[in-house]
Amino acid sequence: MSSSVLVAAVSTALAAVALTGCSGDGAVATDGPPTAARPSGPGGAAVVRAAEALTRAGSARVRTAMEMASGGTRVTIEGSGLFDLSRATGRLRVTLPPGADGARPGERRPVTELITPDALYMKNRAGVPADKWVRVATAGLPDGNLVTGGATDPVTAAQLLRGARRIAFEGATELDGERVWHYSGVVDIERAADAAPPRARHRLRAAQKGFSGRTVPFDAYLDAQGRLRKVQHRFSFTTEATGGDPVGADPTGSAESSVPPDMDLTVSSTTRLGDFGVEARIAMPEAGDIWAGKIAAG
């Protein structure tokens, strides 16, 4: 299998999974004063302001999970790492499904990712020397790197919520020992792009063209300070629009499509944050550490 971006690396597994469609826009806005059913909390307006709250938090540990599923069959990409939220820069160790990206049957290849506002860097990719990084400009990706890298980074996930509407309060609960307030709704990607700062806007503009429809269903969990503790987005797209691969293009090689055309796909991407204020020094590759050669077939 030739090298490609991470979601395309598991496209063989995707082809064996008949994915379900995206849920509808049924959430009803229910923000208002606290009641017995609505304990005092950050309020629905804090969902739209989640990106600002994360910037103030400074840094956090992050866990990610991206799932493609139908019935009892699931294909999952998991990740964990650190993020400098104020600089929108982070480091993740992403673990691919068994056998993906040139791994032996049953083996799960770990890939190190560095995420910046402008680029995605990947290390330990099939077909690339072990000590080299592959760099991909995120603005050139059809989805703005919302799912391409196998994880939705916390800053972009929060920027999407700038376009939240039909926000519904789902109740208060506990998450990792902290009290959180659960809200659901849909994200209007165009609205999110319009409201985002310039360094995030280009990614969201790209995402406008990469998915089916303008809206993305979400569930968001905020703590008492309005910080995002968990967010799940459910992205939907078709392989006809994206040229046959889940993310539409292969910026690192020339992989042939392994997903049938005209296939409707749904990807559920979950991002969790905690340990706010943790030291997060993210070292970027030197120019000589970035692979400029061809991607060998895996």
C-alpha atoms as a PDB file:
ATOM      1  CA  MET A   1       0.000   0.000   0.000  1.00  0.00           C
ATOM      2  CA  SER A   2       1.404   3.366  -0.965  1.00  0.00           C
ATOM      3  CA  SER A   3       1.722   6.128   1.597  1.00  0.00           C
ATOM      4  CA  SER A   4      -1.038   8.681   2.088  1.00  0.00           C
ATOM      5  CA  VAL A   5      -2.514  10.821   4.816  1.00  0.00           C
ATOM      6  CA  LEU A   6      -3.720   8.985   7.893  1.00  0.00           C
ATOM      7  CA  VAL A   7      -7.396   8.564   7.210  1.00  0.00           C
ATOM      8  CA  ALA A   8      -6.583   7.377   3.699  1.00  0.00           C
ATOM      9  CA  ALA A   9      -4.217   4.859   5.294  1.00  0.00           C
ATOM     10  CA  VAL A  10      -7.177   3.072   6.821  1.00  0.00           C
ATOM     11  CA  SER A  11      -9.379   3.364   3.743  1.00  0.00           C
ATOM     12  CA  THR A  12      -9.033  -0.356   3.046  1.00  0.00           C
ATOM     13  CA  ALA A  13     -10.667  -0.999   6.392  1.00  0.00           C
ATOM     14  CA  LEU A  14     -13.266   1.652   5.640  1.00  0.00           C
ATOM     15  CA  ALA A  15     -14.221  -0.093   2.432  1.00  0.00           C
ATOM     16  CA  ALA A  16     -15.238  -3.111   4.503  1.00  0.00           C
ATOM     17  CA  VAL A  17     -17.445  -1.022   6.790  1.00  0.00           C
ATOM     18  CA  ALA A  18     -20.807   0.266   5.565  1.00  0.00           C
ATOM     19  CA  LEU A  19     -20.874   3.576   7.374  1.00  0.00           C
ATOM     20  CA  THR A  20     -24.107   5.122   8.614  1.00  0.00           C
ATOM     21  CA  GLY A  21     -25.269   8.589   7.625  1.00  0.00           C
ATOM     22  CA  CYS A  22     -25.010  11.757   9.668  1.00  0.00           C
ATOM     23  CA  SER A  23     -27.702  12.653  12.203  1.00  0.00           C
ATOM     24  CA  GLY A  24     -30.021  15.531  11.449  1.00  0.00           C
ATOM     25  CA  ASP A  25     -30.335  19.104  12.636  1.00  0.00           C
ATOM     26  CA  GLY A  26     -32.930  18.368  15.330  1.00  0.00           C
ATOM     27  CA  ALA A  27     -31.420  20.166  18.338  1.00  0.00           C
ATOM     28  CA  VAL A  28     -33.534  22.945  19.852  1.00  0.00           C
ATOM     29  CA  ALA A  29     -32.008  26.047  21.424  1.00  0.00           C
ATOM     30  CA  THR A  30     -32.759  25.960  25.135  1.00  0.00           C
ATOM     31  CA  ASP A  31     -30.465  28.461  26.805  1.00  0.00           C
ATOM     32  CA  GLY A  32     -31.966  30.358  29.697  1.00  0.00           C
ATOM     33  CA  PRO A  33     -31.835  30.961  33.464  1.00  0.00           C
ATOM     34  CA  PRO A  34     -30.909  28.066  35.774  1.00  0.00           C
ATOM     35  CA  THR A  35     -33.728  25.735  36.801  1.00  0.00           C
ATOM     36  CA  ALA A  36     -33.955  22.425  38.656  1.00  0.00           C
ATOM     37  CA  ALA A  37     -33.415  20.724  35.307  1.00  0.00           C
ATOM     38  CA  ARG A  38     -30.682  23.202  34.346  1.00  0.00           C
ATOM     39  CA  PRO A  39     -28.088  23.671  37.099  1.00  0.00           C
ATOM     40  CA  SER A  40     -26.082  26.873  37.092  1.00  0.00           C
ATOM     41  CA  GLY A  41     -23.214  26.524  34.649  1.00  0.00           C
ATOM     42  CA  PRO A  42     -21.380  28.284  31.823  1.00  0.00           C
ATOM     43  CA  GLY A  43     -24.499  28.551  29.603  1.00  0.00           C
ATOM     44  CA  GLY A  44     -24.973  27.843  25.917  1.00  0.00           C
ATOM     45  CA  ALA A  45     -23.271  31.090  24.883  1.00  0.00           C
ATOM     46  CA  ALA A  46     -20.027  29.697  26.332  1.00  0.00           C
ATOM     47  CA  VAL A  47     -20.064  27.010  23.636  1.00  0.00           C
ATOM     48  CA  VAL A  48     -19.567  29.694  20.968  1.00  0.00           C
ATOM     49  CA  ARG A  49     -16.807  31.286  23.076  1.00  0.00           C
ATOM     50  CA  ALA A  50     -14.991  28.000  23.796  1.00  0.00           C
ATOM     51  CA  ALA A  51     -11.974  28.939  21.662  1.00  0.00           C
ATOM     52  CA  GLU A  52     -11.295  32.054  23.767  1.00  0.00           C
ATOM     53  CA  ALA A  53     -11.521  30.039  26.983  1.00  0.00           C
ATOM     54  CA  LEU A  54      -8.949  27.551  25.689  1.00  0.00           C
ATOM     55  CA  THR A  55      -6.581  30.340  24.687  1.00  0.00           C
ATOM     56  CA  ARG A  56      -6.771  31.702  28.240  1.00  0.00           C
ATOM     57  CA  ALA A  57      -6.123  28.194  29.634  1.00  0.00           C
ATOM     58  CA  GLY A  58      -2.733  28.218  27.890  1.00  0.00           C
ATOM     59  CA  SER A  59      -2.025  24.504  27.512  1.00  0.00           C
ATOM     60  CA  ALA A  60      -3.498  21.056  28.119  1.00  0.00           C
ATOM     61  CA  ARG A  61      -3.059  17.346  27.737  1.00  0.00           C
ATOM     62  CA  VAL A  62      -5.158  15.995  24.881  1.00  0.00           C
ATOM     63  CA  ARG A  63      -6.688  12.657  23.940  1.00  0.00           C
ATOM     64  CA  THR A  64      -8.304  12.033  20.573  1.00  0.00           C
ATOM     65  CA  ALA A  65     -10.353   9.285  18.974  1.00  0.00           C
ATOM     66  CA  MET A  66     -11.622   9.127  15.416  1.00  0.00           C
ATOM     67  CA  GLU A  67     -14.142   6.400  14.706  1.00  0.00           C
ATOM     68  CA  MET A  68     -15.706   5.074  11.531  1.00  0.00           C
ATOM     69  CA  ALA A  69     -18.479   2.618  12.377  1.00  0.00           C
ATOM     70  CA  SER A  70     -21.517   0.666  11.247  1.00  0.00           C
ATOM     71  CA  GLY A  71     -23.487  -1.570  13.580  1.00  0.00           C
ATOM     72  CA  GLY A  72     -21.028  -3.505  15.734  1.00  0.00           C
ATOM     73  CA  THR A  73     -18.034  -2.921  13.424  1.00  0.00           C
ATOM     74  CA  ARG A  74     -15.671  -0.064  14.260  1.00  0.00           C
ATOM     75  CA  VAL A  75     -12.416   1.310  12.872  1.00  0.00           C
ATOM     76  CA  THR A  76     -10.670   3.665  15.312  1.00  0.00           C
ATOM     77  CA  ILE A  77      -7.619   5.947  15.263  1.00  0.00           C
ATOM     78  CA  GLU A  78      -6.507   7.027  18.744  1.00  0.00           C
ATOM     79  CA  GLY A  79      -4.100   9.726  19.844  1.00  0.00           C
ATOM     80  CA  SER A  80      -2.683  11.511  22.874  1.00  0.00           C
ATOM     81  CA  GLY A  81      -0.285  14.352  23.548  1.00  0.00           C
ATOM     82  CA  LEU A  82       0.192  17.978  24.584  1.00  0.00           C
ATOM     83  CA  PHE A  83      -1.058  21.268  23.159  1.00  0.00           C
ATOM     84  CA  ASP A  84       0.085  24.845  23.529  1.00  0.00           C
ATOM     85  CA  LEU A  85      -3.413  26.256  23.140  1.00  0.00           C
ATOM     86  CA  SER A  86      -2.321  29.889  22.963  1.00  0.00           C
ATOM     87  CA  ARG A  87      -0.096  29.118  19.948  1.00  0.00           C
ATOM     88  CA  ALA A  88      -2.430  26.517  18.412  1.00  0.00           C
ATOM     89  CA  THR A  89       0.519  24.128  18.278  1.00  0.00           C
ATOM     90  CA  GLY A  90       0.671  20.594  19.584  1.00  0.00           C
ATOM     91  CA  ARG A  91       2.242  17.159  19.472  1.00  0.00           C
ATOM     92  CA  LEU A  92       0.220  13.942  19.224  1.00  0.00           C
ATOM     93  CA  ARG A  93       1.109  10.267  19.069  1.00  0.00           C
ATOM     94  CA  VAL A  94      -1.554   8.744  16.846  1.00  0.00           C
ATOM     95  CA  THR A  95      -2.070   4.964  16.731  1.00  0.00           C
ATOM     96  CA  LEU A  96      -3.509   3.578  13.513  1.00  0.00           C
ATOM     97  CA  PRO A  97      -5.780   0.512  13.240  1.00  0.00           C
ATOM     98  CA  PRO A  98      -4.107  -2.919  12.868  1.00  0.00           C
ATOM     99  CA  GLY A  99      -2.423  -3.407   9.507  1.00  0.00           C
ATOM    100  CA  ALA A 100      -2.829   0.211   8.310  1.00  0.00           C
ATOM    101  CA  ASP A 101      -0.120   2.283   6.584  1.00  0.00           C
ATOM    102  CA  GLY A 102       2.211  -0.608   5.757  1.00  0.00           C
ATOM    103  CA  ALA A 103       2.082  -2.236   9.206  1.00  0.00           C
ATOM    104  CA  ARG A 104       2.140  -6.027   9.521  1.00  0.00           C
ATOM    105  CA  PRO A 105      -1.237  -7.765  10.066  1.00  0.00           C
ATOM    106  CA  GLY A 106      -2.296  -7.164  13.652  1.00  0.00           C
ATOM    107  CA  GLU A 107       0.343  -4.463  14.207  1.00  0.00           C
ATOM    108  CA  ARG A 108      -0.745  -0.900  15.029  1.00  0.00           C
ATOM    109  CA  ARG A 109       1.643   1.687  13.622  1.00  0.00           C
ATOM    110  CA  PRO A 110       2.222   4.739  15.854  1.00  0.00           C
ATOM    111  CA  VAL A 111       2.660   8.018  13.989  1.00  0.00           C
ATOM    112  CA  THR A 112       3.970  11.201  15.631  1.00  0.00           C
ATOM    113  CA  GLU A 113       2.237  14.383  14.529  1.00  0.00           C
ATOM    114  CA  LEU A 114       3.100  18.034  15.021  1.00  0.00           C
ATOM    115  CA  ILE A 115       0.156  20.355  14.402  1.00  0.00           C
ATOM    116  CA  THR A 116       0.518  24.082  13.721  1.00  0.00           C
ATOM    117  CA  PRO A 117      -1.922  26.679  12.362  1.00  0.00           C
ATOM    118  CA  ASP A 118      -0.457  26.220   8.878  1.00  0.00           C
ATOM    119  CA  ALA A 119       0.912  22.690   8.624  1.00  0.00           C
ATOM    120  CA  LEU A 120       0.736  19.075   9.708  1.00  0.00           C
ATOM    121  CA  TYR A 121       4.047  17.244  10.256  1.00  0.00           C
ATOM    122  CA  MET A 122       4.097  13.439  10.417  1.00  0.00           C
ATOM    123  CA  LYS A 123       6.875  11.059  11.437  1.00  0.00           C
ATOM    124  CA  ASN A 124       7.099   7.258  11.170  1.00  0.00           C
ATOM    125  CA  ARG A 125       5.055   7.170   7.982  1.00  0.00           C
ATOM    126  CA  ALA A 126       5.375   4.218   5.639  1.00  0.00           C
ATOM    127  CA  GLY A 127       7.721   4.925   2.728  1.00  0.00           C
ATOM    128  CA  VAL A 128       9.600   7.722   4.548  1.00  0.00           C
ATOM    129  CA  PRO A 129      12.987   7.385   6.344  1.00  0.00           C
ATOM    130  CA  ALA A 130      12.437   6.856  10.076  1.00  0.00           C
ATOM    131  CA  ASP A 131      14.270  10.060  11.035  1.00  0.00           C
ATOM    132  CA  LYS A 132      12.380  12.332   8.619  1.00  0.00           C
ATOM    133  CA  TRP A 133       9.139  14.284   8.854  1.00  0.00           C
ATOM    134  CA  VAL A 134       6.519  14.712   6.141  1.00  0.00           C
ATOM    135  CA  ARG A 135       5.076  18.238   5.987  1.00  0.00           C
ATOM    136  CA  VAL A 136       1.596  18.955   4.604  1.00  0.00           C
ATOM    137  CA  ALA A 137       0.133  22.466   4.254  1.00  0.00           C
ATOM    138  CA  THR A 138      -3.269  22.219   5.919  1.00  0.00           C
ATOM    139  CA  ALA A 139      -4.901  24.915   3.775  1.00  0.00           C
ATOM    140  CA  GLY A 140      -4.337  22.651   0.765  1.00  0.00           C
ATOM    141  CA  LEU A 141      -6.254  19.740   2.277  1.00  0.00           C
ATOM    142  CA  PRO A 142      -9.900  19.354   1.189  1.00  0.00           C
ATOM    143  CA  ASP A 143     -11.065  19.182   4.812  1.00  0.00           C
ATOM    144  CA  GLY A 144      -8.650  21.735   6.333  1.00  0.00           C
ATOM    145  CA  ASN A 145      -7.161  18.852   8.382  1.00  0.00           C
ATOM    146  CA  LEU A 146     -10.311  18.305  10.416  1.00  0.00           C
ATOM    147  CA  VAL A 147     -10.060  14.544   9.833  1.00  0.00           C
ATOM    148  CA  THR A 148      -7.103  14.066   7.473  1.00  0.00           C
ATOM    149  CA  GLY A 149      -4.521  13.655  10.229  1.00  0.00           C
ATOM    150  CA  GLY A 150      -6.577  11.070  12.104  1.00  0.00           C
ATOM    151  CA  ALA A 151      -7.456  13.593  14.849  1.00  0.00           C
ATOM    152  CA  THR A 152      -9.275  16.898  15.166  1.00  0.00           C
ATOM    153  CA  ASP A 153      -6.942  19.128  17.145  1.00  0.00           C
ATOM    154  CA  PRO A 154      -8.488  20.922  20.158  1.00  0.00           C
ATOM    155  CA  VAL A 155      -7.989  24.445  18.836  1.00  0.00           C
ATOM    156  CA  THR A 156      -9.699  23.720  15.510  1.00  0.00           C
ATOM    157  CA  ALA A 157     -12.434  21.761  17.290  1.00  0.00           C
ATOM    158  CA  ALA A 158     -13.112  24.822  19.446  1.00  0.00           C
ATOM    159  CA  GLN A 159     -12.945  27.223  16.494  1.00  0.00           C
ATOM    160  CA  LEU A 160     -15.674  25.178  14.803  1.00  0.00           C
ATOM    161  CA  LEU A 161     -17.960  25.921  17.726  1.00  0.00           C
ATOM    162  CA  ARG A 162     -17.940  29.609  16.772  1.00  0.00           C
ATOM    163  CA  GLY A 163     -20.534  28.522  14.235  1.00  0.00           C
ATOM    164  CA  ALA A 164     -22.681  26.628  16.758  1.00  0.00           C
ATOM    165  CA  ARG A 165     -26.439  27.007  16.514  1.00  0.00           C
ATOM    166  CA  ARG A 166     -29.535  25.190  17.764  1.00  0.00           C
ATOM    167  CA  ILE A 167     -27.645  24.767  21.021  1.00  0.00           C
ATOM    168  CA  ALA A 168     -29.471  22.481  23.453  1.00  0.00           C
ATOM    169  CA  PHE A 169     -28.619  21.830  27.099  1.00  0.00           C
ATOM    170  CA  GLU A 170     -28.406  18.065  27.704  1.00  0.00           C
ATOM    171  CA  GLY A 171     -27.633  18.056  31.437  1.00  0.00           C
ATOM    172  CA  ALA A 172     -24.786  18.257  33.927  1.00  0.00           C
ATOM    173  CA  THR A 173     -22.521  15.270  34.564  1.00  0.00           C
ATOM    174  CA  GLU A 174     -18.972  14.382  35.629  1.00  0.00           C
ATOM    175  CA  LEU A 175     -16.019  13.839  33.340  1.00  0.00           C
ATOM    176  CA  ASP A 176     -12.611  12.784  34.678  1.00  0.00           C
ATOM    177  CA  GLY A 177     -13.772  13.770  38.172  1.00  0.00           C
ATOM    178  CA  GLU A 178     -14.872  17.277  37.110  1.00  0.00           C
ATOM    179  CA  ARG A 179     -18.416  18.614  36.887  1.00  0.00           C
ATOM    180  CA  VAL A 180     -19.241  19.508  33.282  1.00  0.00           C
ATOM    181  CA  TRP A 181     -22.230  20.857  31.370  1.00  0.00           C
ATOM    182  CA  HIS A 182     -23.253  19.001  28.205  1.00  0.00           C
ATOM    183  CA  TYR A 183     -24.556  20.874  25.167  1.00  0.00           C
ATOM    184  CA  SER A 184     -25.501  19.593  21.725  1.00  0.00           C
ATOM    185  CA  GLY A 185     -26.273  21.298  18.449  1.00  0.00           C
ATOM    186  CA  VAL A 186     -24.940  21.773  14.947  1.00  0.00           C
ATOM    187  CA  VAL A 187     -22.005  23.772  13.631  1.00  0.00           C
ATOM    188  CA  ASP A 188     -22.452  25.955  10.572  1.00  0.00           C
ATOM    189  CA  ILE A 189     -18.965  25.721   9.047  1.00  0.00           C
ATOM    190  CA  GLU A 190     -19.356  28.909   7.004  1.00  0.00           C
ATOM    191  CA  ARG A 191     -20.432  30.850  10.076  1.00  0.00           C
ATOM    192  CA  ALA A 192     -17.501  29.417  12.039  1.00  0.00           C
ATOM    193  CA  ALA A 193     -15.054  30.488   9.315  1.00  0.00           C
ATOM    194  CA  ASP A 194     -16.488  34.007   9.246  1.00  0.00           C
ATOM    195  CA  ALA A 195     -16.073  34.358  13.020  1.00  0.00           C
ATOM    196  CA  ALA A 196     -12.638  32.692  13.316  1.00  0.00           C
ATOM    197  CA  PRO A 197      -9.361  34.639  13.594  1.00  0.00           C
ATOM    198  CA  PRO A 198      -7.250  34.763  10.420  1.00  0.00           C
ATOM    199  CA  ARG A 199      -4.870  31.963  11.465  1.00  0.00           C
ATOM    200  CA  ALA A 200      -7.791  29.518  11.746  1.00  0.00           C
ATOM    201  CA  ARG A 201     -10.027  30.888   9.011  1.00  0.00           C
ATOM    202  CA  HIS A 202      -8.197  29.310   6.054  1.00  0.00           C
ATOM    203  CA  ARG A 203      -8.625  25.810   7.477  1.00  0.00           C
ATOM    204  CA  LEU A 204     -12.336  26.302   8.033  1.00  0.00           C
ATOM    205  CA  ARG A 205     -12.747  27.784   4.558  1.00  0.00           C
ATOM    206  CA  ALA A 206     -11.171  24.630   3.143  1.00  0.00           C
ATOM    207  CA  ALA A 207     -13.490  22.494   5.257  1.00  0.00           C
ATOM    208  CA  GLN A 208     -16.530  24.229   3.743  1.00  0.00           C
ATOM    209  CA  LYS A 209     -15.796  22.404   0.487  1.00  0.00           C
ATOM    210  CA  GLY A 210     -14.708  19.082   1.969  1.00  0.00           C
ATOM    211  CA  PHE A 211     -17.915  17.858   3.609  1.00  0.00           C
ATOM    212  CA  SER A 212     -21.503  17.117   2.645  1.00  0.00           C
ATOM    213  CA  GLY A 213     -23.735  20.020   3.640  1.00  0.00           C
ATOM    214  CA  ARG A 214     -22.979  23.108   5.674  1.00  0.00           C
ATOM    215  CA  THR A 215     -23.636  21.758   9.165  1.00  0.00           C
ATOM    216  CA  VAL A 216     -21.860  19.295  11.474  1.00  0.00           C
ATOM    217  CA  PRO A 217     -23.602  17.851  14.571  1.00  0.00           C
ATOM    218  CA  PHE A 218     -21.665  18.212  17.834  1.00  0.00           C
ATOM    219  CA  ASP A 219     -21.712  17.424  21.541  1.00  0.00           C
ATOM    220  CA  ALA A 220     -19.646  19.686  23.801  1.00  0.00           C
ATOM    221  CA  TYR A 221     -18.842  19.394  27.511  1.00  0.00           C
ATOM    222  CA  LEU A 222     -17.694  22.559  29.333  1.00  0.00           C
ATOM    223  CA  ASP A 223     -16.444  22.983  32.880  1.00  0.00           C
ATOM    224  CA  ALA A 224     -17.431  25.782  35.261  1.00  0.00           C
ATOM    225  CA  GLN A 225     -14.784  28.070  33.722  1.00  0.00           C
ATOM    226  CA  GLY A 226     -16.171  27.566  30.222  1.00  0.00           C
ATOM    227  CA  ARG A 227     -13.213  25.423  29.178  1.00  0.00           C
ATOM    228  CA  LEU A 228     -13.891  22.679  26.683  1.00  0.00           C
ATOM    229  CA  ARG A 229     -13.301  19.306  28.341  1.00  0.00           C
ATOM    230  CA  LYS A 230     -14.699  17.102  25.597  1.00  0.00           C
ATOM    231  CA  VAL A 231     -16.134  17.727  22.149  1.00  0.00           C
ATOM    232  CA  GLN A 232     -17.377  15.334  19.505  1.00  0.00           C
ATOM    233  CA  HIS A 233     -18.090  16.274  15.902  1.00  0.00           C
ATOM    234  CA  ARG A 234     -19.748  13.984  13.356  1.00  0.00           C
ATOM    235  CA  PHE A 235     -18.451  14.789   9.882  1.00  0.00           C
ATOM    236  CA  SER A 236     -20.171  13.537   6.734  1.00  0.00           C
ATOM    237  CA  PHE A 237     -18.887  13.424   3.154  1.00  0.00           C
ATOM    238  CA  THR A 238     -19.051  11.374  -0.022  1.00  0.00           C
ATOM    239  CA  THR A 239     -16.186   9.779  -1.940  1.00  0.00           C
ATOM    240  CA  GLU A 240     -17.575  11.127  -5.219  1.00  0.00           C
ATOM    241  CA  ALA A 241     -16.855  14.681  -4.047  1.00  0.00           C
ATOM    242  CA  THR A 242     -13.454  13.754  -2.665  1.00  0.00           C
ATOM    243  CA  GLY A 243     -12.115  11.676  -5.539  1.00  0.00           C
ATOM    244  CA  GLY A 244     -12.532   8.260  -3.910  1.00  0.00           C
ATOM    245  CA  ASP A 245     -10.529   8.603  -0.693  1.00  0.00           C
ATOM    246  CA  PRO A 246     -12.138   9.690   2.580  1.00  0.00           C
ATOM    247  CA  VAL A 247     -10.227  12.954   2.702  1.00  0.00           C
ATOM    248  CA  GLY A 248     -10.160  13.542  -1.021  1.00  0.00           C
ATOM    249  CA  ALA A 249      -6.483  13.958  -1.816  1.00  0.00           C
ATOM    250  CA  ASP A 250      -3.076  12.500  -1.156  1.00  0.00           C
ATOM    251  CA  PRO A 251      -0.672  15.408  -0.613  1.00  0.00           C
ATOM    252  CA  THR A 252       2.235  13.145   0.378  1.00  0.00           C
ATOM    253  CA  GLY A 253       2.227  10.597  -2.408  1.00  0.00           C
ATOM    254  CA  SER A 254       0.239   9.081  -5.217  1.00  0.00           C
ATOM    255  CA  ALA A 255      -1.946   6.532  -3.479  1.00  0.00           C
ATOM    256  CA  GLU A 256      -4.724   5.002  -5.517  1.00  0.00           C
ATOM    257  CA  SER A 257      -8.205   5.177  -4.062  1.00  0.00           C
ATOM    258  CA  SER A 258      -9.254   2.106  -2.108  1.00  0.00           C
ATOM    259  CA  VAL A 259     -12.722   3.318  -1.127  1.00  0.00           C
ATOM    260  CA  PRO A 260     -15.571   2.751  -3.620  1.00  0.00           C
ATOM    261  CA  PRO A 261     -16.806   5.918  -5.382  1.00  0.00           C
ATOM    262  CA  ASP A 262     -20.140   7.456  -4.355  1.00  0.00           C
ATOM    263  CA  MET A 263     -19.787   6.043  -0.830  1.00  0.00           C
ATOM    264  CA  ASP A 264     -21.351   8.119   1.942  1.00  0.00           C
ATOM    265  CA  LEU A 265     -19.027   8.272   4.946  1.00  0.00           C
ATOM    266  CA  THR A 266     -19.450   9.534   8.483  1.00  0.00           C
ATOM    267  CA  VAL A 267     -16.504  10.089  10.816  1.00  0.00           C
ATOM    268  CA  SER A 268     -17.019  10.707  14.529  1.00  0.00           C
ATOM    269  CA  SER A 269     -14.103  12.692  15.960  1.00  0.00           C
ATOM    270  CA  THR A 270     -13.757  13.128  19.737  1.00  0.00           C
ATOM    271  CA  THR A 271     -11.243  15.426  21.458  1.00  0.00           C
ATOM    272  CA  ARG A 272     -10.758  15.479  25.252  1.00  0.00           C
ATOM    273  CA  LEU A 273      -8.739  17.995  27.269  1.00  0.00           C
ATOM    274  CA  GLY A 274      -7.411  18.062  30.821  1.00  0.00           C
ATOM    275  CA  ASP A 275      -4.481  19.003  33.044  1.00  0.00           C
ATOM    276  CA  PHE A 276      -4.733  22.630  31.944  1.00  0.00           C
ATOM    277  CA  GLY A 277      -1.593  24.690  32.459  1.00  0.00           C
ATOM    278  CA  VAL A 278       0.762  21.734  32.002  1.00  0.00           C
ATOM    279  CA  GLU A 279       4.172  22.610  30.543  1.00  0.00           C
ATOM    280  CA  ALA A 280       3.927  22.170  26.773  1.00  0.00           C
ATOM    281  CA  ARG A 281       7.153  22.841  24.887  1.00  0.00           C
ATOM    282  CA  ILE A 282       6.636  21.803  21.273  1.00  0.00           C
ATOM    283  CA  ALA A 283       9.902  21.578  19.310  1.00  0.00           C
ATOM    284  CA  MET A 284       9.487  21.924  15.541  1.00  0.00           C
ATOM    285  CA  PRO A 285      11.626  20.054  12.975  1.00  0.00           C
ATOM    286  CA  GLU A 286      14.641  21.713  11.423  1.00  0.00           C
ATOM    287  CA  ALA A 287      14.521  22.238   7.653  1.00  0.00           C
ATOM    288  CA  GLY A 288      16.937  19.349   7.124  1.00  0.00           C
ATOM    289  CA  ASP A 289      14.651  16.986   9.039  1.00  0.00           C
ATOM    290  CA  ILE A 290      11.778  17.383   6.564  1.00  0.00           C
ATOM    291  CA  TRP A 291      11.557  14.761   3.828  1.00  0.00           C
ATOM    292  CA  ALA A 292      11.724  16.248   0.340  1.00  0.00           C
ATOM    293  CA  GLY A 293      11.972  12.991  -1.602  1.00  0.00           C
ATOM    294  CA  LYS A 294       9.339  10.729  -3.094  1.00  0.00           C
ATOM    295  CA  ILE A 295       7.147   8.598  -0.861  1.00  0.00           C
ATOM    296  CA  ALA A 296       8.080   4.963  -1.440  1.00  0.00           C
ATOM    297  CA  ALA A 297       5.294   2.434  -1.887  1.00  0.00           C
ATOM    298  CA  GLY A 298       4.551   0.512   1.308  1.00  0.00           C
END
